[in-house]
C-alpha atoms as a PDB file:
ATOM      1  CA  MET A   1     -82.599 246.215-187.684  1.00  0.00           C
ATOM      2  CA  GLU A   2     -81.133 242.767-188.959  1.00  0.00           C
ATOM      3  CA  PHE A   3     -82.595 239.671-187.240  1.00  0.00           C
ATOM      4  CA  THR A   4     -81.437 236.229-187.433  1.00  0.00           C
ATOM      5  CA  ASN A   5     -83.400 233.080-188.213  1.00  0.00           C
ATOM      6  CA  LYS A   6     -83.556 232.371-184.358  1.00  0.00           C
ATOM      7  CA  ASP A   7     -85.567 235.614-184.061  1.00  0.00           C
ATOM      8  CA  LEU A   8     -87.615 235.228-186.608  1.00  0.00           C
ATOM      9  CA  TYR A   9     -88.573 232.443-184.921  1.00  0.00           C
ATOM     10  CA  TYR A  10     -89.537 233.330-181.790  1.00  0.00           C
ATOM     11  CA  LEU A  11     -90.754 236.871-182.726  1.00  0.00           C
ATOM     12  CA  LEU A  12     -93.375 235.447-185.501  1.00  0.00           C
ATOM     13  CA  PHE A  13     -93.700 231.751-184.250  1.00  0.00           C
ATOM     14  CA  THR A  14     -95.279 230.354-181.561  1.00  0.00           C
ATOM     15  CA  GLU A  15     -93.750 226.974-180.714  1.00  0.00           C
ATOM     16  CA  LEU A  16     -96.479 224.097-180.016  1.00  0.00           C
ATOM     17  CA  SER A  17     -94.195 221.445-178.999  1.00  0.00           C
ATOM     18  CA  PRO A  18     -89.781 220.978-179.936  1.00  0.00           C
ATOM     19  CA  ASN A  19     -90.822 219.809-183.358  1.00  0.00           C
ATOM     20  CA  GLN A  20     -93.913 221.922-184.278  1.00  0.00           C
ATOM     21  CA  ALA A  21     -94.063 225.507-184.408  1.00  0.00           C
ATOM     22  CA  ARG A  22     -97.373 227.671-185.617  1.00  0.00           C
ATOM     23  CA  CYS A  23     -96.966 231.037-187.816  1.00  0.00           C
ATOM     24  CA  ASN A  24     -98.578 233.734-185.558  1.00  0.00           C
ATOM     25  CA  THR A  25     -99.721 235.875-188.651  1.00  0.00           C
ATOM     26  CA  CYS A  26    -101.528 233.033-190.483  1.00  0.00           C
ATOM     27  CA  ILE A  27    -102.100 230.344-188.144  1.00  0.00           C
ATOM     28  CA  ASN A  28    -100.548 227.345-190.435  1.00  0.00           C
ATOM     29  CA  VAL A  29     -97.844 224.898-188.468  1.00  0.00           C
ATOM     30  CA  PHE A  30     -94.843 223.746-189.193  1.00  0.00           C
ATOM     31  CA  LYS A  31     -92.585 221.049-188.612  1.00  0.00           C
ATOM     32  CA  SER A  32     -89.188 221.739-186.884  1.00  0.00           C
ATOM     33  CA  GLY A  33     -85.987 219.850-188.059  1.00  0.00           C
ATOM     34  CA  ASN A  34     -82.722 220.846-186.469  1.00  0.00           C
ATOM     35  CA  GLY A  35     -83.338 224.733-187.653  1.00  0.00           C
ATOM     36  CA  TYR A  36     -85.703 227.039-188.880  1.00  0.00           C
ATOM     37  CA  THR A  37     -85.299 226.203-192.107  1.00  0.00           C
ATOM     38  CA  ASN A  38     -89.207 225.746-192.929  1.00  0.00           C
ATOM     39  CA  GLN A  39     -90.501 228.598-190.730  1.00  0.00           C
ATOM     40  CA  VAL A  40     -88.120 230.959-192.541  1.00  0.00           C
ATOM     41  CA  HIS A  41     -88.608 229.776-196.104  1.00  0.00           C
ATOM     42  CA  HIS A  42     -92.515 230.385-195.129  1.00  0.00           C
ATOM     43  CA  LEU A  43     -91.900 234.021-194.019  1.00  0.00           C
ATOM     44  CA  LEU A  44     -90.152 234.356-197.671  1.00  0.00           C
ATOM     45  CA  LYS A  45     -92.667 232.594-199.674  1.00  0.00           C
ATOM     46  CA  ARG A  46     -95.829 233.716-197.694  1.00  0.00           C
ATOM     47  CA  HIS A  47     -95.314 236.588-195.807  1.00  0.00           C
ATOM     48  CA  PRO A  48     -92.575 239.222-198.186  1.00  0.00           C
ATOM     49  CA  ASP A  49     -93.048 241.757-195.260  1.00  0.00           C
ATOM     50  CA  TYR A  50     -91.819 239.637-192.448  1.00  0.00           C
ATOM     51  CA  GLN A  51     -89.043 241.842-191.655  1.00  0.00           C
ATOM     52  CA  GLU A  52     -91.568 244.954-191.075  1.00  0.00           C
ATOM     53  CA  LEU A  53     -93.609 242.446-188.798  1.00  0.00           C
ATOM     54  CA  ALA A  54     -90.579 241.106-187.031  1.00  0.00           C
ATOM     55  CA  ALA A  55     -89.269 245.197-186.135  1.00  0.00           C
ATOM     56  CA  ALA A  56     -93.101 245.821-185.461  1.00  0.00           C
ATOM     57  CA  VAL A  57     -93.597 242.793-182.993  1.00  0.00           C
ATOM     58  CA  PHE A  58     -89.850 243.164-181.283  1.00  0.00           C
ATOM     59  CA  ARG A  59     -90.616 247.261-180.676  1.00  0.00           C
ATOM     60  CA  LYS A  60     -94.055 247.134-179.528  1.00  0.00           C
ATOM     61  CA  ASP A  61     -93.228 244.084-177.180  1.00  0.00           C
ATOM     62  CA  ARG A  62     -96.159 242.197-178.243  1.00  0.00           C
ATOM     63  CA  MET A  63     -95.718 238.821-176.923  1.00  0.00           C
ATOM     64  CA  PRO A  64     -98.985 236.232-176.665  1.00  0.00           C
ATOM     65  CA  VAL A  65     -99.990 235.276-173.437  1.00  0.00           C
ATOM     66  CA  SER A  66     -99.101 231.705-174.218  1.00  0.00           C
ATOM     67  CA  PHE A  67     -95.599 233.646-173.605  1.00  0.00           C
ATOM     68  CA  CYS A  68     -95.413 232.551-169.930  1.00  0.00           C
ATOM     69  CA  GLU A  69     -95.606 228.836-171.450  1.00  0.00           C
ATOM     70  CA  ARG A  70     -92.288 228.937-173.133  1.00  0.00           C
ATOM     71  CA  PRO A  71     -89.659 227.005-171.921  1.00  0.00           C
ATOM     72  CA  LEU A  72     -86.762 229.384-172.308  1.00  0.00           C
ATOM     73  CA  VAL A  73     -89.188 231.881-170.486  1.00  0.00           C
ATOM     74  CA  ARG A  74     -89.704 229.141-167.565  1.00  0.00           C
ATOM     75  CA  LYS A  75     -86.120 228.177-167.732  1.00  0.00           C
ATOM     76  CA  ASN A  76     -85.137 231.722-167.153  1.00  0.00           C
ATOM     77  CA  ALA A  77     -88.124 233.032-164.978  1.00  0.00           C
ATOM     78  CA  LYS A  78     -87.598 233.151-161.165  1.00  0.00           C
ATOM     79  CA  MET A  79     -90.899 232.364-160.314  1.00  0.00           C
ATOM     80  CA  GLU A  80     -93.307 229.544-160.080  1.00  0.00           C
ATOM     81  CA  PRO A  81     -94.735 228.415-163.775  1.00  0.00           C
ATOM     82  CA  ILE A  82     -97.670 229.770-164.523  1.00  0.00           C
ATOM     83  CA  SER A  83    -100.021 228.567-167.732  1.00  0.00           C
ATOM     84  CA  ALA A  84    -101.652 231.140-170.538  1.00  0.00           C
ATOM     85  CA  ALA A  85    -105.305 230.402-169.188  1.00  0.00           C
ATOM     86  CA  THR A  86    -104.517 231.504-165.757  1.00  0.00           C
ATOM     87  CA  LEU A  87    -102.337 234.789-166.664  1.00  0.00           C
ATOM     88  CA  GLN A  88    -105.623 235.236-169.030  1.00  0.00           C
ATOM     89  CA  LYS A  89    -107.649 235.230-166.095  1.00  0.00           C
ATOM     90  CA  TYR A  90    -105.501 237.520-163.976  1.00  0.00           C
ATOM     91  CA  LEU A  91    -105.472 240.084-166.636  1.00  0.00           C
ATOM     92  CA  ASP A  92    -108.924 239.950-167.128  1.00  0.00           C
ATOM     93  CA  ALA A  93    -109.680 240.100-163.514  1.00  0.00           C
ATOM     94  CA  LEU A  94    -106.764 243.342-163.147  1.00  0.00           C
ATOM     95  CA  TYR A  95    -108.296 244.754-166.293  1.00  0.00           C
ATOM     96  CA  GLY A  96    -111.915 245.124-164.821  1.00  0.00           C
ATOM     97  CA  LEU A  97    -110.238 246.526-161.432  1.00  0.00           C
ATOM     98  CA  VAL A  98    -108.493 249.325-162.794  1.00  0.00           C
ATOM     99  CA  ARG A  99    -111.624 250.279-165.008  1.00  0.00           C
ATOM    100  CA  GLU A 100    -113.840 250.593-162.319  1.00  0.00           C
ATOM    101  CA  VAL A 101    -111.558 252.179-160.035  1.00  0.00           C
ATOM    102  CA  THR A 102    -111.114 254.592-162.717  1.00  0.00           C
ATOM    103  CA  ALA A 103    -114.644 255.185-163.775  1.00  0.00           C
ATOM    104  CA  THR A 104    -115.060 255.680-160.080  1.00  0.00           C
ATOM    105  CA  THR A 105    -112.300 258.193-159.300  1.00  0.00           C
ATOM    106  CA  LEU A 106    -113.145 260.136-162.623  1.00  0.00           C
ATOM    107  CA  PRO A 107    -114.966 263.402-162.531  1.00  0.00           C
ATOM    108  CA  ASP A 108    -118.278 263.733-164.741  1.00  0.00           C
ATOM    109  CA  LYS A 109    -115.895 266.062-166.508  1.00  0.00           C
ATOM    110  CA  PHE A 110    -112.581 265.841-167.459  1.00  0.00           C
ATOM    111  CA  GLY A 111    -109.883 266.624-170.484  1.00  0.00           C
ATOM    112  CA  ILE A 112    -107.182 264.426-171.795  1.00  0.00           C
ATOM    113  CA  VAL A 113    -104.260 265.873-173.414  1.00  0.00           C
ATOM    114  CA  LEU A 114    -102.365 264.440-175.630  1.00  0.00           C
ATOM    115  CA  ASP A 115     -98.358 265.146-176.459  1.00  0.00           C
ATOM    116  CA  ALA A 116     -97.034 264.163-179.808  1.00  0.00           C
ATOM    117  CA  LEU A 117     -93.174 265.094-178.820  1.00  0.00           C
ATOM    118  CA  THR A 118     -91.325 261.467-179.059  1.00  0.00           C
ATOM    119  CA  THR A 119     -87.881 260.415-179.172  1.00  0.00           C
END
């Protein structure tokens, strides 16, 4: 899968401000100009496996909690803006609730079957 410089930027960097972005792999901060040259140069120099990293992030859709604070997400979302801290709070609460309900619902003995078939 071929990614454009813009795709690489949005998959592998977190925008801190319109002029700064942080690499999600090594946490270095870079200034942004009119394009993505600084960030792509960093990937070429420091992360030679950046294409595999981008493919893995794209496939698994592993977005950081701060994803909800990105301007493009806010622009395209049809709901009130939410901060990363608020989203994390609700994710933690949901995890706790699901864990509690699962623990009380499951019997003392149970089995898990994993099907390795993928398509």
